[in-house]
C-alpha atoms as a PDB file:
ATOM      1  CA  UNK A   1     113.173 113.975-102.210  1.00  0.00           C
ATOM      2  CA  UNK A   2     111.718 110.520-101.834  1.00  0.00           C
ATOM      3  CA  UNK A   3     112.154 108.803 -98.379  1.00  0.00           C
ATOM      4  CA  UNK A   4     111.216 105.216 -97.322  1.00  0.00           C
ATOM      5  CA  UNK A   5     109.688 104.823 -93.680  1.00  0.00           C
ATOM      6  CA  UNK A   6     109.343 101.479 -92.402  1.00  0.00           C
ATOM      7  CA  UNK A   7     106.038  99.995 -90.907  1.00  0.00           C
ATOM      8  CA  UNK A   8     105.726 101.171 -87.187  1.00  0.00           C
ATOM      9  CA  UNK A   9     108.010 103.929 -87.268  1.00  0.00           C
ATOM     10  CA  UNK A  10     106.275 107.087 -85.654  1.00  0.00           C
ATOM     11  CA  UNK A  11     106.321 110.259 -87.841  1.00  0.00           C
ATOM     12  CA  UNK A  12     103.820 112.345 -86.020  1.00  0.00           C
ATOM     13  CA  UNK A  13     102.067 112.560 -82.908  1.00  0.00           C
ATOM     14  CA  UNK A  14      98.808 114.500 -82.588  1.00  0.00           C
ATOM     15  CA  UNK A  15      97.368 115.569 -79.211  1.00  0.00           C
ATOM     16  CA  UNK A  16      94.205 117.499 -78.325  1.00  0.00           C
ATOM     17  CA  UNK A  17      95.865 119.227 -75.127  1.00  0.00           C
ATOM     18  CA  UNK A  18      98.974 121.355 -76.521  1.00  0.00           C
ATOM     19  CA  UNK A  19      99.900 121.320 -72.493  1.00  0.00           C
ATOM     20  CA  UNK A  20     100.237 117.670 -72.276  1.00  0.00           C
ATOM     21  CA  UNK A  21     103.787 116.424 -72.865  1.00  0.00           C
ATOM     22  CA  UNK A  22     104.106 114.168 -75.878  1.00  0.00           C
ATOM     23  CA  UNK A  23     105.603 110.689 -75.385  1.00  0.00           C
ATOM     24  CA  UNK A  24     109.347 109.859 -76.411  1.00  0.00           C
ATOM     25  CA  UNK A  25     109.402 107.930 -79.390  1.00  0.00           C
ATOM     26  CA  UNK A  26     113.047 107.935 -80.791  1.00  0.00           C
ATOM     27  CA  UNK A  27     113.959 104.598 -78.802  1.00  0.00           C
ATOM     28  CA  UNK A  28     111.081 102.985 -80.305  1.00  0.00           C
ATOM     29  CA  UNK A  29     111.987 104.246 -83.742  1.00  0.00           C
ATOM     30  CA  UNK A  30     115.423 103.421 -83.300  1.00  0.00           C
ATOM     31  CA  UNK A  31     114.472  99.988 -82.795  1.00  0.00           C
ATOM     32  CA  UNK A  32     112.260  99.982 -85.697  1.00  0.00           C
ATOM     33  CA  UNK A  33     114.858 101.215 -87.901  1.00  0.00           C
ATOM     34  CA  UNK A  34     117.610  98.625 -86.654  1.00  0.00           C
ATOM     35  CA  UNK A  35     114.991  95.795 -87.584  1.00  0.00           C
ATOM     36  CA  UNK A  36     114.210  97.262 -90.841  1.00  0.00           C
ATOM     37  CA  UNK A  37     117.987  97.696 -91.794  1.00  0.00           C
ATOM     38  CA  UNK A  38     118.561  94.004 -90.545  1.00  0.00           C
ATOM     39  CA  UNK A  39     115.917  92.771 -92.901  1.00  0.00           C
ATOM     40  CA  UNK A  40     117.249  94.595 -95.791  1.00  0.00           C
ATOM     41  CA  UNK A  41     120.689  93.175 -95.226  1.00  0.00           C
ATOM     42  CA  UNK A  42     119.751  89.622 -94.370  1.00  0.00           C
ATOM     43  CA  UNK A  43     121.741  87.092 -96.328  1.00  0.00           C
ATOM     44  CA  UNK A  44     123.964  89.889 -97.698  1.00  0.00           C
ATOM     45  CA  UNK A  45     127.662  89.222 -97.534  1.00  0.00           C
ATOM     46  CA  UNK A  46     129.640  92.522 -96.799  1.00  0.00           C
ATOM     47  CA  UNK A  47     132.107  93.637 -99.361  1.00  0.00           C
ATOM     48  CA  UNK A  48     135.375  95.063 -98.067  1.00  0.00           C
ATOM     49  CA  UNK A  49     136.305  98.484 -99.289  1.00  0.00           C
ATOM     50  CA  UNK A  50     138.232  98.773-102.381  1.00  0.00           C
ATOM     51  CA  UNK A  51     137.168  95.215-103.485  1.00  0.00           C
ATOM     52  CA  UNK A  52     135.515  94.351-106.589  1.00  0.00           C
ATOM     53  CA  UNK A  53     131.983  93.257-105.939  1.00  0.00           C
ATOM     54  CA  UNK A  54     131.680  91.271-109.153  1.00  0.00           C
ATOM     55  CA  UNK A  55     129.884  91.868-112.130  1.00  0.00           C
ATOM     56  CA  UNK A  56     126.315  92.933-112.267  1.00  0.00           C
ATOM     57  CA  UNK A  57     123.655  90.130-112.082  1.00  0.00           C
ATOM     58  CA  UNK A  58     122.467  89.207-115.645  1.00  0.00           C
ATOM     59  CA  UNK A  59     118.782  89.967-116.202  1.00  0.00           C
ATOM     60  CA  UNK A  60     115.952  87.004-116.296  1.00  0.00           C
ATOM     61  CA  UNK A  61     116.321  85.412-119.397  1.00  0.00           C
ATOM     62  CA  UNK A  62     113.396  86.120-121.579  1.00  0.00           C
ATOM     63  CA  UNK A  63     112.204  88.982-119.522  1.00  0.00           C
ATOM     64  CA  UNK A  64     111.637  92.096-121.827  1.00  0.00           C
ATOM     65  CA  UNK A  65     110.911  95.242-119.860  1.00  0.00           C
ATOM     66  CA  UNK A  66     107.980  96.563-121.835  1.00  0.00           C
ATOM     67  CA  UNK A  67     104.882  98.981-121.131  1.00  0.00           C
ATOM     68  CA  UNK A  68     101.540  97.116-120.846  1.00  0.00           C
ATOM     69  CA  UNK A  69     100.403  98.954-124.002  1.00  0.00           C
ATOM     70  CA  UNK A  70     103.378  97.679-125.778  1.00  0.00           C
ATOM     71  CA  UNK A  71     102.552  94.078-124.501  1.00  0.00           C
ATOM     72  CA  UNK A  72      98.882  94.399-125.779  1.00  0.00           C
ATOM     73  CA  UNK A  73      99.813  95.593-129.426  1.00  0.00           C
ATOM     74  CA  UNK A  74     102.626  93.203-129.919  1.00  0.00           C
ATOM     75  CA  UNK A  75     100.355  90.314-128.605  1.00  0.00           C
ATOM     76  CA  UNK A  76      97.803  91.403-130.963  1.00  0.00           C
ATOM     77  CA  UNK A  77     100.169  91.626-133.975  1.00  0.00           C
ATOM     78  CA  UNK A  78     101.538  88.266-133.429  1.00  0.00           C
ATOM     79  CA  UNK A  79     104.800  90.334-132.879  1.00  0.00           C
ATOM     80  CA  UNK A  80     107.726  89.021-130.499  1.00  0.00           C
ATOM     81  CA  UNK A  81     108.767  91.577-128.037  1.00  0.00           C
ATOM     82  CA  UNK A  82     112.182  90.025-128.014  1.00  0.00           C
ATOM     83  CA  UNK A  83     112.457  91.312-131.662  1.00  0.00           C
ATOM     84  CA  UNK A  84     111.589  94.866-130.661  1.00  0.00           C
ATOM     85  CA  UNK A  85     113.664  94.825-127.639  1.00  0.00           C
ATOM     86  CA  UNK A  86     116.757  94.015-129.623  1.00  0.00           C
ATOM     87  CA  UNK A  87     116.377  97.186-131.532  1.00  0.00           C
ATOM     88  CA  UNK A  88     115.570  99.181-128.339  1.00  0.00           C
ATOM     89  CA  UNK A  89     117.626 100.583-125.805  1.00  0.00           C
ATOM     90  CA  UNK A  90     115.289 100.224-122.137  1.00  0.00           C
ATOM     91  CA  UNK A  91     111.720  99.729-121.805  1.00  0.00           C
ATOM     92  CA  UNK A  92     109.915  98.685-125.119  1.00  0.00           C
ATOM     93  CA  UNK A  93     106.967 101.119-125.557  1.00  0.00           C
ATOM     94  CA  UNK A  94     104.222 101.087-127.763  1.00  0.00           C
ATOM     95  CA  UNK A  95     105.738 103.494-130.421  1.00  0.00           C
ATOM     96  CA  UNK A  96     108.647 101.095-130.779  1.00  0.00           C
ATOM     97  CA  UNK A  97     106.281  98.108-131.400  1.00  0.00           C
ATOM     98  CA  UNK A  98     104.523 100.523-133.823  1.00  0.00           C
ATOM     99  CA  UNK A  99     107.698 101.241-135.381  1.00  0.00           C
ATOM    100  CA  UNK A 100     108.600  97.629-135.716  1.00  0.00           C
ATOM    101  CA  UNK A 101     105.606  96.742-137.290  1.00  0.00           C
ATOM    102  CA  UNK A 102     105.619  99.629-140.003  1.00  0.00           C
ATOM    103  CA  UNK A 103     109.485  98.484-140.762  1.00  0.00           C
ATOM    104  CA  UNK A 104     108.171  94.815-141.107  1.00  0.00           C
ATOM    105  CA  UNK A 105     105.379  96.149-143.418  1.00  0.00           C
ATOM    106  CA  UNK A 106     107.890  97.677-145.846  1.00  0.00           C
ATOM    107  CA  UNK A 107     109.951  94.386-145.636  1.00  0.00           C
ATOM    108  CA  UNK A 108     107.079  92.525-146.769  1.00  0.00           C
ATOM    109  CA  UNK A 109     105.917  95.026-149.339  1.00  0.00           C
ATOM    110  CA  UNK A 110     109.765  94.665-151.308  1.00  0.00           C
END
């Protein structure tokens, strides 16, 4: 399972002497976590339980999610990623661009 630990959070203590007591870091860690949580929620308005938080934000206009290989191939072929994205659900991949190029090649031959 993935975990996120903020900078400054103590995750391990190393000592050369096993008999030496380790410093207590719980209070320091709690302070670091509290500051991290405040930073994450800064500017967010709380939503009351049972209320609608509203619609999900719209994606940036013109922003097409595509792999670097798909972007390069589309650029070399002079193909708009938007045209490919209209036929694909999710991230545009190299195979999607290749498929669109093949489809367009067939259309041009007709």
